[in-house]
Amino acid sequence: MERVVGTKEMTTVTAIKIGENLMINVGIARSIGIVKSIHKNEIEIDLKIPVCADKNDKVVLSRQILGRWRLIGYGEIVG
C-alpha cells in the first residue's frame, strides 16, 4: 500500500525492515511477529503466537503508528 490506512494525515508507508514488529491477521486469527528476512516481495515473520493458515491464504499487515496498529499492507501465504 502507498498510504497508511486509518490516520488523519496522509502518511506514506515506509519499507518493512528486518527486526521490525508487525501484526499479521489471517482470517480471524491475529498474531504479532518479528520480521526475520526480506526477499524481493516476500517477508518471513517469526510469530509469537502461531496461527493456522494454508498456502495462498490472504493476510493483512499492520504496524504501530502513533501508538495504534495501522494497516500498511496485504498479501498471501507462500511456501
N, C-alpha and C. Protein backbone atom coordinates (compact mmCIF):
# COMPACT_ATOMS: atom_id res chain seq x y z
N MET A 1 0.84 -1.17 0.00
CA MET A 1 0.00 0.00 0.00
C MET A 1 0.89 1.23 0.00
N GLU A 2 0.38 2.30 -0.56
CA GLU A 2 1.15 3.53 -0.62
C GLU A 2 0.96 4.38 0.63
N ARG A 3 -0.27 4.36 1.20
CA ARG A 3 -0.56 5.17 2.38
C ARG A 3 -1.06 4.30 3.51
N VAL A 4 -0.84 4.78 4.75
CA VAL A 4 -1.31 4.10 5.95
C VAL A 4 -2.82 4.31 6.05
N VAL A 5 -3.56 3.24 6.35
CA VAL A 5 -5.00 3.33 6.50
C VAL A 5 -5.33 3.68 7.95
N GLY A 6 -6.23 4.65 8.15
CA GLY A 6 -6.72 4.98 9.48
C GLY A 6 -6.07 6.17 10.15
N THR A 7 -5.24 6.91 9.45
CA THR A 7 -4.65 8.12 10.03
C THR A 7 -5.27 9.35 9.39
N LYS A 8 -5.36 10.43 10.15
CA LYS A 8 -5.92 11.67 9.62
C LYS A 8 -4.98 12.28 8.58
N GLU A 9 -3.68 12.20 8.86
CA GLU A 9 -2.70 12.74 7.93
C GLU A 9 -2.46 11.73 6.81
N MET A 10 -1.96 12.21 5.69
CA MET A 10 -1.63 11.35 4.56
C MET A 10 -0.24 10.76 4.79
N THR A 11 -0.14 9.77 5.66
CA THR A 11 1.13 9.15 6.00
C THR A 11 1.47 8.08 4.97
N THR A 12 2.68 8.15 4.42
CA THR A 12 3.10 7.13 3.45
C THR A 12 3.69 5.94 4.18
N VAL A 13 3.58 4.78 3.58
CA VAL A 13 4.12 3.55 4.16
C VAL A 13 5.60 3.45 3.82
N THR A 14 6.43 3.33 4.85
CA THR A 14 7.86 3.13 4.62
C THR A 14 8.12 1.63 4.47
N ALA A 15 9.27 1.30 3.91
CA ALA A 15 9.62 -0.10 3.67
C ALA A 15 9.70 -0.88 4.98
N ILE A 16 9.31 -2.15 4.92
CA ILE A 16 9.42 -3.04 6.08
C ILE A 16 10.89 -3.37 6.29
N LYS A 17 11.30 -3.40 7.58
CA LYS A 17 12.71 -3.63 7.92
C LYS A 17 12.87 -4.90 8.74
N ILE A 18 14.02 -5.54 8.62
CA ILE A 18 14.33 -6.72 9.44
C ILE A 18 14.37 -6.29 10.91
N GLY A 19 13.76 -7.10 11.78
CA GLY A 19 13.70 -6.81 13.20
C GLY A 19 12.49 -6.00 13.62
N GLU A 20 11.70 -5.56 12.67
CA GLU A 20 10.51 -4.75 12.96
C GLU A 20 9.37 -5.64 13.46
N ASN A 21 8.59 -5.13 14.41
CA ASN A 21 7.40 -5.82 14.89
C ASN A 21 6.23 -5.49 13.99
N LEU A 22 5.50 -6.52 13.55
CA LEU A 22 4.31 -6.35 12.73
C LEU A 22 3.20 -7.21 13.30
N MET A 23 1.96 -6.78 13.09
CA MET A 23 0.81 -7.62 13.42
C MET A 23 0.32 -8.22 12.11
N ILE A 24 0.02 -9.52 12.15
CA ILE A 24 -0.48 -10.21 10.97
C ILE A 24 -1.86 -10.77 11.30
N ASN A 25 -2.80 -10.59 10.38
CA ASN A 25 -4.14 -11.15 10.52
C ASN A 25 -4.36 -12.11 9.36
N VAL A 26 -4.75 -13.35 9.72
CA VAL A 26 -5.07 -14.38 8.74
C VAL A 26 -6.47 -14.86 9.09
N GLY A 27 -7.45 -14.52 8.26
CA GLY A 27 -8.83 -14.84 8.60
C GLY A 27 -9.19 -14.12 9.89
N ILE A 28 -9.60 -14.88 10.91
CA ILE A 28 -9.91 -14.26 12.20
C ILE A 28 -8.75 -14.37 13.18
N ALA A 29 -7.68 -15.06 12.80
CA ALA A 29 -6.51 -15.21 13.67
C ALA A 29 -5.63 -13.97 13.59
N ARG A 30 -5.00 -13.65 14.73
CA ARG A 30 -4.14 -12.47 14.79
C ARG A 30 -2.92 -12.81 15.64
N SER A 31 -1.76 -12.34 15.21
CA SER A 31 -0.53 -12.57 15.96
C SER A 31 0.44 -11.43 15.69
N ILE A 32 1.38 -11.27 16.58
CA ILE A 32 2.45 -10.29 16.41
C ILE A 32 3.73 -11.07 16.17
N GLY A 33 4.55 -10.55 15.29
CA GLY A 33 5.80 -11.22 14.99
C GLY A 33 6.90 -10.25 14.63
N ILE A 34 8.09 -10.79 14.53
CA ILE A 34 9.28 -10.01 14.18
C ILE A 34 9.73 -10.43 12.79
N VAL A 35 10.00 -9.45 11.94
CA VAL A 35 10.45 -9.72 10.58
C VAL A 35 11.86 -10.31 10.65
N LYS A 36 12.01 -11.52 10.10
CA LYS A 36 13.31 -12.22 10.13
C LYS A 36 14.10 -12.04 8.84
N SER A 37 13.41 -12.02 7.70
CA SER A 37 14.12 -11.85 6.43
C SER A 37 13.19 -11.23 5.40
N ILE A 38 13.81 -10.60 4.42
CA ILE A 38 13.09 -9.96 3.33
C ILE A 38 13.75 -10.38 2.03
N HIS A 39 12.97 -10.93 1.10
CA HIS A 39 13.45 -11.35 -0.21
C HIS A 39 12.50 -10.82 -1.27
N LYS A 40 12.90 -9.79 -1.98
CA LYS A 40 12.07 -9.15 -3.02
C LYS A 40 10.71 -8.79 -2.44
N ASN A 41 9.64 -9.46 -2.86
CA ASN A 41 8.29 -9.15 -2.37
C ASN A 41 7.82 -10.13 -1.30
N GLU A 42 8.72 -10.89 -0.69
CA GLU A 42 8.37 -11.85 0.35
C GLU A 42 9.07 -11.50 1.65
N ILE A 43 8.35 -11.66 2.76
CA ILE A 43 8.97 -11.48 4.07
C ILE A 43 8.71 -12.72 4.91
N GLU A 44 9.64 -13.00 5.80
CA GLU A 44 9.49 -14.10 6.74
C GLU A 44 9.34 -13.50 8.12
N ILE A 45 8.28 -13.92 8.84
CA ILE A 45 7.98 -13.37 10.15
C ILE A 45 8.00 -14.50 11.18
N ASP A 46 8.68 -14.27 12.30
CA ASP A 46 8.70 -15.20 13.42
C ASP A 46 7.57 -14.79 14.36
N LEU A 47 6.46 -15.55 14.36
CA LEU A 47 5.28 -15.21 15.13
C LEU A 47 5.42 -15.58 16.60
N LYS A 48 4.90 -14.73 17.48
CA LYS A 48 4.91 -15.02 18.92
C LYS A 48 3.86 -16.06 19.25
N ILE A 49 2.70 -15.99 18.59
CA ILE A 49 1.64 -16.98 18.74
C ILE A 49 1.36 -17.56 17.36
N PRO A 50 1.53 -18.87 17.18
CA PRO A 50 1.29 -19.47 15.85
C PRO A 50 -0.16 -19.31 15.40
N VAL A 51 -0.36 -19.23 14.11
CA VAL A 51 -1.71 -19.20 13.53
C VAL A 51 -1.82 -20.33 12.52
N CYS A 52 -3.02 -20.85 12.34
CA CYS A 52 -3.27 -21.87 11.32
C CYS A 52 -3.58 -21.18 10.01
N ALA A 53 -2.81 -21.52 8.99
CA ALA A 53 -3.03 -20.92 7.68
C ALA A 53 -2.62 -21.91 6.61
N ASP A 54 -3.28 -21.82 5.48
CA ASP A 54 -2.94 -22.64 4.33
C ASP A 54 -2.23 -21.78 3.30
N LYS A 55 -1.52 -22.45 2.41
CA LYS A 55 -0.87 -21.76 1.30
C LYS A 55 -1.93 -20.98 0.53
N ASN A 56 -1.60 -19.77 0.12
CA ASN A 56 -2.47 -18.86 -0.63
C ASN A 56 -3.54 -18.17 0.21
N ASP A 57 -3.57 -18.39 1.54
CA ASP A 57 -4.50 -17.63 2.39
C ASP A 57 -4.12 -16.16 2.36
N LYS A 58 -5.11 -15.29 2.40
CA LYS A 58 -4.88 -13.85 2.39
C LYS A 58 -4.50 -13.38 3.80
N VAL A 59 -3.60 -12.41 3.87
CA VAL A 59 -3.17 -11.84 5.15
C VAL A 59 -3.13 -10.32 5.03
N VAL A 60 -3.25 -9.66 6.18
CA VAL A 60 -3.04 -8.21 6.23
C VAL A 60 -1.96 -7.92 7.27
N LEU A 61 -1.19 -6.88 7.01
CA LEU A 61 -0.08 -6.50 7.89
C LEU A 61 -0.35 -5.13 8.47
N SER A 62 -0.08 -4.99 9.77
CA SER A 62 -0.24 -3.72 10.46
C SER A 62 1.04 -3.38 11.19
N ARG A 63 1.26 -2.08 11.35
CA ARG A 63 2.45 -1.54 12.04
C ARG A 63 1.95 -0.56 13.09
N GLN A 64 2.66 -0.46 14.21
CA GLN A 64 2.29 0.52 15.23
C GLN A 64 2.72 1.90 14.78
N ILE A 65 1.74 2.78 14.65
CA ILE A 65 1.98 4.17 14.26
C ILE A 65 1.22 5.05 15.25
N LEU A 66 1.94 5.92 15.92
CA LEU A 66 1.37 6.81 16.94
C LEU A 66 0.59 6.01 18.00
N GLY A 67 1.14 4.87 18.41
CA GLY A 67 0.56 4.07 19.49
C GLY A 67 -0.60 3.18 19.11
N ARG A 68 -0.94 3.09 17.82
CA ARG A 68 -2.05 2.24 17.38
C ARG A 68 -1.60 1.39 16.19
N TRP A 69 -2.21 0.21 16.08
CA TRP A 69 -1.91 -0.64 14.94
C TRP A 69 -2.65 -0.12 13.72
N ARG A 70 -1.90 0.15 12.65
CA ARG A 70 -2.48 0.69 11.41
C ARG A 70 -2.16 -0.22 10.24
N LEU A 71 -3.13 -0.42 9.39
CA LEU A 71 -3.00 -1.26 8.21
C LEU A 71 -1.97 -0.66 7.25
N ILE A 72 -0.95 -1.47 6.87
CA ILE A 72 0.07 -0.98 5.95
C ILE A 72 0.20 -1.84 4.69
N GLY A 73 -0.39 -3.03 4.70
CA GLY A 73 -0.22 -3.88 3.53
C GLY A 73 -1.03 -5.16 3.61
N TYR A 74 -0.98 -5.90 2.53
CA TYR A 74 -1.69 -7.18 2.46
C TYR A 74 -0.91 -8.11 1.55
N GLY A 75 -1.26 -9.38 1.59
CA GLY A 75 -0.58 -10.35 0.74
C GLY A 75 -1.20 -11.72 0.93
N GLU A 76 -0.37 -12.75 0.67
CA GLU A 76 -0.85 -14.12 0.83
C GLU A 76 0.29 -15.01 1.32
N ILE A 77 -0.09 -16.11 1.94
CA ILE A 77 0.87 -17.09 2.47
C ILE A 77 1.49 -17.85 1.28
N VAL A 78 2.82 -17.97 1.29
CA VAL A 78 3.52 -18.77 0.27
C VAL A 78 4.34 -19.85 0.97
N GLY A 79 4.71 -20.85 0.22
CA GLY A 79 5.61 -21.89 0.72
C GLY A 79 5.05 -22.80 1.68
